[in-house]
Amino acid sequence: MIRITRLQRITLVLFVIVVANWVVMSATGYSLLGGDLFTLFFIVFLVLTTIALAAAVMRKVRCRVRKL
């Protein structure tokens, strides 16, 4: 089973909100209240999640390199 961190959960929720905003805007022409702010938060949390995952991968790579 995959464990999801708090940062990943927040990013996932923001992704769902951004997609819902896009669907509503495409269908009606109106965006959700604060839709642009949600998009900005999603981008920030996506970058933070990417940095956290890259750090975890680098730790594993360094550990394997040390064993050689």
PDB file of N, CA and C in Angstrom:
ATOM      1  N   MET A   1       0.837  -1.178   0.000  1.00  0.00           N
ATOM      2  CA  MET A   1       0.000   0.000   0.000  1.00  0.00           C
ATOM      3  C   MET A   1       0.884   1.244   0.000  1.00  0.00           C
ATOM      4  N   ILE A   2       0.509   2.219  -0.775  1.00  0.00           N
ATOM      5  CA  ILE A   2       1.286   3.447  -0.891  1.00  0.00           C
ATOM      6  C   ILE A   2       0.829   4.426   0.192  1.00  0.00           C
ATOM      7  N   ARG A   3       1.796   4.973   0.901  1.00  0.00           N
ATOM      8  CA  ARG A   3       1.496   5.977   1.922  1.00  0.00           C
ATOM      9  C   ARG A   3       1.644   7.355   1.290  1.00  0.00           C
ATOM     10  N   ILE A   4       0.664   8.213   1.526  1.00  0.00           N
ATOM     11  CA  ILE A   4       0.675   9.562   0.969  1.00  0.00           C
ATOM     12  C   ILE A   4       0.939  10.543   2.098  1.00  0.00           C
ATOM     13  N   THR A   5       1.914  11.418   1.888  1.00  0.00           N
ATOM     14  CA  THR A   5       2.247  12.413   2.901  1.00  0.00           C
ATOM     15  C   THR A   5       1.227  13.551   2.885  1.00  0.00           C
ATOM     16  N   ARG A   6       1.285  14.377   3.889  1.00  0.00           N
ATOM     17  CA  ARG A   6       0.376  15.522   3.984  1.00  0.00           C
ATOM     18  C   ARG A   6       0.568  16.466   2.794  1.00  0.00           C
ATOM     19  N   LEU A   7       1.810  16.690   2.401  1.00  0.00           N
ATOM     20  CA  LEU A   7       2.104  17.559   1.267  1.00  0.00           C
ATOM     21  C   LEU A   7       1.495  17.005  -0.021  1.00  0.00           C
ATOM     22  N   GLN A   8       1.585  15.699  -0.213  1.00  0.00           N
ATOM     23  CA  GLN A   8       1.007  15.076  -1.400  1.00  0.00           C
ATOM     24  C   GLN A   8      -0.520  15.130  -1.376  1.00  0.00           C
ATOM     25  N   ARG A   9      -1.125  14.967  -0.199  1.00  0.00           N
ATOM     26  CA  ARG A   9      -2.585  15.071  -0.095  1.00  0.00           C
ATOM     27  C   ARG A   9      -3.073  16.474  -0.430  1.00  0.00           C
ATOM     28  N   ILE A  10      -2.372  17.483   0.085  1.00  0.00           N
ATOM     29  CA  ILE A  10      -2.751  18.867  -0.210  1.00  0.00           C
ATOM     30  C   ILE A  10      -2.631  19.132  -1.707  1.00  0.00           C
ATOM     31  N   THR A  11      -1.542  18.645  -2.317  1.00  0.00           N
ATOM     32  CA  THR A  11      -1.354  18.834  -3.751  1.00  0.00           C
ATOM     33  C   THR A  11      -2.466  18.145  -4.532  1.00  0.00           C
ATOM     34  N   LEU A  12      -2.857  16.960  -4.123  1.00  0.00           N
ATOM     35  CA  LEU A  12      -3.926  16.231  -4.795  1.00  0.00           C
ATOM     36  C   LEU A  12      -5.265  16.967  -4.685  1.00  0.00           C
ATOM     37  N   VAL A  13      -5.588  17.483  -3.514  1.00  0.00           N
ATOM     38  CA  VAL A  13      -6.835  18.235  -3.320  1.00  0.00           C
ATOM     39  C   VAL A  13      -6.829  19.493  -4.177  1.00  0.00           C
ATOM     40  N   LEU A  14      -5.704  20.201  -4.198  1.00  0.00           N
ATOM     41  CA  LEU A  14      -5.618  21.404  -5.033  1.00  0.00           C
ATOM     42  C   LEU A  14      -5.747  21.061  -6.511  1.00  0.00           C
ATOM     43  N   PHE A  15      -5.185  19.921  -6.928  1.00  0.00           N
ATOM     44  CA  PHE A  15      -5.318  19.492  -8.318  1.00  0.00           C
ATOM     45  C   PHE A  15      -6.785  19.260  -8.667  1.00  0.00           C
ATOM     46  N   VAL A  16      -7.516  18.605  -7.779  1.00  0.00           N
ATOM     47  CA  VAL A  16      -8.941  18.353  -8.015  1.00  0.00           C
ATOM     48  C   VAL A  16      -9.704  19.670  -8.112  1.00  0.00           C
ATOM     49  N   ILE A  17      -9.395  20.630  -7.260  1.00  0.00           N
ATOM     50  CA  ILE A  17     -10.065  21.931  -7.292  1.00  0.00           C
ATOM     51  C   ILE A  17      -9.747  22.662  -8.593  1.00  0.00           C
ATOM     52  N   VAL A  18      -8.489  22.620  -9.029  1.00  0.00           N
ATOM     53  CA  VAL A  18      -8.105  23.297 -10.269  1.00  0.00           C
ATOM     54  C   VAL A  18      -8.803  22.652 -11.465  1.00  0.00           C
ATOM     55  N   VAL A  19      -8.881  21.329 -11.494  1.00  0.00           N
ATOM     56  CA  VAL A  19      -9.578  20.645 -12.591  1.00  0.00           C
ATOM     57  C   VAL A  19     -11.071  20.976 -12.563  1.00  0.00           C
ATOM     58  N   ALA A  20     -11.674  20.987 -11.376  1.00  0.00           N
ATOM     59  CA  ALA A  20     -13.090  21.337 -11.257  1.00  0.00           C
ATOM     60  C   ALA A  20     -13.321  22.768 -11.731  1.00  0.00           C
ATOM     61  N   ASN A  21     -12.421  23.673 -11.384  1.00  0.00           N
ATOM     62  CA  ASN A  21     -12.522  25.060 -11.831  1.00  0.00           C
ATOM     63  C   ASN A  21     -12.448  25.138 -13.353  1.00  0.00           C
ATOM     64  N   TRP A  22     -11.548  24.356 -13.948  1.00  0.00           N
ATOM     65  CA  TRP A  22     -11.404  24.357 -15.403  1.00  0.00           C
ATOM     66  C   TRP A  22     -12.671  23.832 -16.072  1.00  0.00           C
ATOM     67  N   VAL A  23     -13.253  22.767 -15.514  1.00  0.00           N
ATOM     68  CA  VAL A  23     -14.481  22.191 -16.080  1.00  0.00           C
ATOM     69  C   VAL A  23     -15.626  23.191 -15.987  1.00  0.00           C
ATOM     70  N   VAL A  24     -15.789  23.818 -14.821  1.00  0.00           N
ATOM     71  CA  VAL A  24     -16.866  24.796 -14.636  1.00  0.00           C
ATOM     72  C   VAL A  24     -16.665  25.982 -15.568  1.00  0.00           C
ATOM     73  N   MET A  25     -15.434  26.442 -15.701  1.00  0.00           N
ATOM     74  CA  MET A  25     -15.169  27.596 -16.567  1.00  0.00           C
ATOM     75  C   MET A  25     -15.417  27.242 -18.036  1.00  0.00           C
ATOM     76  N   SER A  26     -15.067  26.029 -18.438  1.00  0.00           N
ATOM     77  CA  SER A  26     -15.308  25.606 -19.819  1.00  0.00           C
ATOM     78  C   SER A  26     -16.806  25.492 -20.117  1.00  0.00           C
ATOM     79  N   ALA A  27     -17.559  25.031 -19.144  1.00  0.00           N
ATOM     80  CA  ALA A  27     -18.987  24.807 -19.355  1.00  0.00           C
ATOM     81  C   ALA A  27     -19.808  26.084 -19.240  1.00  0.00           C
ATOM     82  N   THR A  28     -19.460  26.941 -18.291  1.00  0.00           N
ATOM     83  CA  THR A  28     -20.312  28.100 -18.023  1.00  0.00           C
ATOM     84  C   THR A  28     -19.665  29.441 -18.363  1.00  0.00           C
ATOM     85  N   GLY A  29     -18.357  29.480 -18.417  1.00  0.00           N
ATOM     86  CA  GLY A  29     -17.678  30.757 -18.645  1.00  0.00           C
ATOM     87  C   GLY A  29     -17.321  31.473 -17.361  1.00  0.00           C
ATOM     88  N   TYR A  30     -17.769  30.943 -16.231  1.00  0.00           N
ATOM     89  CA  TYR A  30     -17.461  31.532 -14.930  1.00  0.00           C
ATOM     90  C   TYR A  30     -16.518  30.614 -14.170  1.00  0.00           C
ATOM     91  N   SER A  31     -15.586  31.203 -13.426  1.00  0.00           N
ATOM     92  CA  SER A  31     -14.684  30.377 -12.625  1.00  0.00           C
ATOM     93  C   SER A  31     -15.136  30.374 -11.174  1.00  0.00           C
ATOM     94  N   LEU A  32     -14.618  29.410 -10.420  1.00  0.00           N
ATOM     95  CA  LEU A  32     -14.910  29.348  -8.996  1.00  0.00           C
ATOM     96  C   LEU A  32     -14.300  30.554  -8.294  1.00  0.00           C
ATOM     97  N   LEU A  33     -14.856  30.903  -7.165  1.00  0.00           N
ATOM     98  CA  LEU A  33     -14.337  32.016  -6.386  1.00  0.00           C
ATOM     99  C   LEU A  33     -12.911  31.712  -5.948  1.00  0.00           C
ATOM    100  N   GLY A  34     -11.957  32.532  -6.321  1.00  0.00           N
ATOM    101  CA  GLY A  34     -10.563  32.312  -5.972  1.00  0.00           C
ATOM    102  C   GLY A  34      -9.886  31.254  -6.826  1.00  0.00           C
ATOM    103  N   GLY A  35     -10.394  31.005  -8.005  1.00  0.00           N
ATOM    104  CA  GLY A  35      -9.862  29.963  -8.870  1.00  0.00           C
ATOM    105  C   GLY A  35      -8.398  30.172  -9.221  1.00  0.00           C
ATOM    106  N   ASP A  36      -8.019  31.418  -9.499  1.00  0.00           N
ATOM    107  CA  ASP A  36      -6.617  31.706  -9.825  1.00  0.00           C
ATOM    108  C   ASP A  36      -5.710  31.488  -8.624  1.00  0.00           C
ATOM    109  N   LEU A  37      -6.218  31.780  -7.456  1.00  0.00           N
ATOM    110  CA  LEU A  37      -5.437  31.568  -6.232  1.00  0.00           C
ATOM    111  C   LEU A  37      -5.206  30.076  -5.992  1.00  0.00           C
ATOM    112  N   PHE A  38      -6.220  29.253  -6.256  1.00  0.00           N
ATOM    113  CA  PHE A  38      -6.055  27.803  -6.141  1.00  0.00           C
ATOM    114  C   PHE A  38      -5.014  27.292  -7.130  1.00  0.00           C
ATOM    115  N   THR A  39      -5.016  27.855  -8.336  1.00  0.00           N
ATOM    116  CA  THR A  39      -4.029  27.459  -9.337  1.00  0.00           C
ATOM    117  C   THR A  39      -2.621  27.814  -8.866  1.00  0.00           C
ATOM    118  N   LEU A  40      -2.463  28.989  -8.301  1.00  0.00           N
ATOM    119  CA  LEU A  40      -1.155  29.408  -7.780  1.00  0.00           C
ATOM    120  C   LEU A  40      -0.706  28.484  -6.651  1.00  0.00           C
ATOM    121  N   PHE A  41      -1.612  28.187  -5.716  1.00  0.00           N
ATOM    122  CA  PHE A  41      -1.275  27.270  -4.620  1.00  0.00           C
ATOM    123  C   PHE A  41      -0.916  25.888  -5.146  1.00  0.00           C
ATOM    124  N   PHE A  42      -1.647  25.418  -6.162  1.00  0.00           N
ATOM    125  CA  PHE A  42      -1.355  24.112  -6.743  1.00  0.00           C
ATOM    126  C   PHE A  42       0.053  24.081  -7.321  1.00  0.00           C
ATOM    127  N   ILE A  43       0.442  25.121  -8.035  1.00  0.00           N
ATOM    128  CA  ILE A  43       1.783  25.171  -8.626  1.00  0.00           C
ATOM    129  C   ILE A  43       2.850  25.170  -7.536  1.00  0.00           C
ATOM    130  N   VAL A  44       2.640  25.952  -6.484  1.00  0.00           N
ATOM    131  CA  VAL A  44       3.607  26.015  -5.381  1.00  0.00           C
ATOM    132  C   VAL A  44       3.738  24.649  -4.701  1.00  0.00           C
ATOM    133  N   PHE A  45       2.612  24.011  -4.394  1.00  0.00           N
ATOM    134  CA  PHE A  45       2.669  22.716  -3.729  1.00  0.00           C
ATOM    135  C   PHE A  45       3.201  21.626  -4.644  1.00  0.00           C
ATOM    136  N   LEU A  46       2.966  21.747  -5.952  1.00  0.00           N
ATOM    137  CA  LEU A  46       3.522  20.788  -6.894  1.00  0.00           C
ATOM    138  C   LEU A  46       5.048  20.885  -6.919  1.00  0.00           C
ATOM    139  N   VAL A  47       5.567  22.098  -6.881  1.00  0.00           N
ATOM    140  CA  VAL A  47       7.020  22.290  -6.833  1.00  0.00           C
ATOM    141  C   VAL A  47       7.588  21.725  -5.530  1.00  0.00           C
ATOM    142  N   LEU A  48       6.919  22.001  -4.405  1.00  0.00           N
ATOM    143  CA  LEU A  48       7.382  21.482  -3.119  1.00  0.00           C
ATOM    144  C   LEU A  48       7.351  19.958  -3.083  1.00  0.00           C
ATOM    145  N   THR A  49       6.308  19.359  -3.637  1.00  0.00           N
ATOM    146  CA  THR A  49       6.219  17.902  -3.692  1.00  0.00           C
ATOM    147  C   THR A  49       7.328  17.322  -4.556  1.00  0.00           C
ATOM    148  N   THR A  50       7.601  17.964  -5.682  1.00  0.00           N
ATOM    149  CA  THR A  50       8.670  17.507  -6.567  1.00  0.00           C
ATOM    150  C   THR A  50      10.022  17.569  -5.872  1.00  0.00           C
ATOM    151  N   ILE A  51      10.275  18.638  -5.150  1.00  0.00           N
ATOM    152  CA  ILE A  51      11.541  18.769  -4.417  1.00  0.00           C
ATOM    153  C   ILE A  51      11.646  17.683  -3.346  1.00  0.00           C
ATOM    154  N   ALA A  52      10.554  17.433  -2.620  1.00  0.00           N
ATOM    155  CA  ALA A  52      10.572  16.410  -1.575  1.00  0.00           C
ATOM    156  C   ALA A  52      10.806  15.023  -2.167  1.00  0.00           C
ATOM    157  N   LEU A  53      10.165  14.727  -3.280  1.00  0.00           N
ATOM    158  CA  LEU A  53      10.357  13.417  -3.907  1.00  0.00           C
ATOM    159  C   LEU A  53      11.761  13.274  -4.481  1.00  0.00           C
ATOM    160  N   ALA A  54      12.290  14.351  -5.048  1.00  0.00           N
ATOM    161  CA  ALA A  54      13.651  14.304  -5.584  1.00  0.00           C
ATOM    162  C   ALA A  54      14.659  14.070  -4.458  1.00  0.00           C
ATOM    163  N   ALA A  55      14.432  14.680  -3.322  1.00  0.00           N
ATOM    164  CA  ALA A  55      15.331  14.482  -2.186  1.00  0.00           C
ATOM    165  C   ALA A  55      15.297  13.031  -1.713  1.00  0.00           C
ATOM    166  N   ALA A  56      14.109  12.436  -1.685  1.00  0.00           N
ATOM    167  CA  ALA A  56      13.998  11.038  -1.267  1.00  0.00           C
ATOM    168  C   ALA A  56      14.704  10.111  -2.259  1.00  0.00           C
ATOM    169  N   VAL A  57      14.542  10.381  -3.534  1.00  0.00           N
ATOM    170  CA  VAL A  57      15.214   9.561  -4.550  1.00  0.00           C
ATOM    171  C   VAL A  57      16.724   9.705  -4.441  1.00  0.00           C
ATOM    172  N   MET A  58      17.207  10.900  -4.229  1.00  0.00           N
ATOM    173  CA  MET A  58      18.653  11.122  -4.106  1.00  0.00           C
ATOM    174  C   MET A  58      19.221  10.398  -2.882  1.00  0.00           C
ATOM    175  N   ARG A  59      18.464  10.351  -1.780  1.00  0.00           N
ATOM    176  CA  ARG A  59      18.914   9.616  -0.605  1.00  0.00           C
ATOM    177  C   ARG A  59      19.077   8.139  -0.919  1.00  0.00           C
ATOM    178  N   LYS A  60      18.126   7.574  -1.650  1.00  0.00           N
ATOM    179  CA  LYS A  60      18.211   6.162  -2.014  1.00  0.00           C
ATOM    180  C   LYS A  60      19.381   5.904  -2.954  1.00  0.00           C
ATOM    181  N   VAL A  61      19.600   6.802  -3.894  1.00  0.00           N
ATOM    182  CA  VAL A  61      20.716   6.643  -4.837  1.00  0.00           C
ATOM    183  C   VAL A  61      22.042   6.705  -4.091  1.00  0.00           C
ATOM    184  N   ARG A  62      22.185   7.662  -3.188  1.00  0.00           N
ATOM    185  CA  ARG A  62      23.432   7.765  -2.417  1.00  0.00           C
ATOM    186  C   ARG A  62      23.662   6.536  -1.561  1.00  0.00           C
ATOM    187  N   CYS A  63      22.598   6.003  -0.988  1.00  0.00           N
ATOM    188  CA  CYS A  63      22.730   4.808  -0.158  1.00  0.00           C
ATOM    189  C   CYS A  63      23.195   3.620  -0.989  1.00  0.00           C
ATOM    190  N   ARG A  64      22.671   3.488  -2.188  1.00  0.00           N
ATOM    191  CA  ARG A  64      23.074   2.381  -3.060  1.00  0.00           C
ATOM    192  C   ARG A  64      24.480   2.563  -3.586  1.00  0.00           C
ATOM    193  N   VAL A  65      24.869   3.788  -3.837  1.00  0.00           N
ATOM    194  CA  VAL A  65      26.224   4.049  -4.331  1.00  0.00           C
ATOM    195  C   VAL A  65      27.245   3.728  -3.228  1.00  0.00           C
ATOM    196  N   ARG A  66      26.888   4.048  -2.005  1.00  0.00           N
ATOM    197  CA  ARG A  66      27.808   3.756  -0.882  1.00  0.00           C
ATOM    198  C   ARG A  66      28.017   2.270  -0.711  1.00  0.00           C
ATOM    199  N   LYS A  67      27.010   1.461  -0.996  1.00  0.00           N
ATOM    200  CA  LYS A  67      27.124   0.017  -0.825  1.00  0.00           C
ATOM    201  C   LYS A  67      28.059  -0.606  -1.859  1.00  0.00           C
ATOM    202  N   LEU A  68      28.281   0.094  -2.972  1.00  0.00           N
ATOM    203  CA  LEU A  68      29.146  -0.477  -4.016  1.00  0.00           C
ATOM    204  C   LEU A  68      30.567  -0.404  -3.654  1.00  0.00           C
TER     205      LEU A  68
END
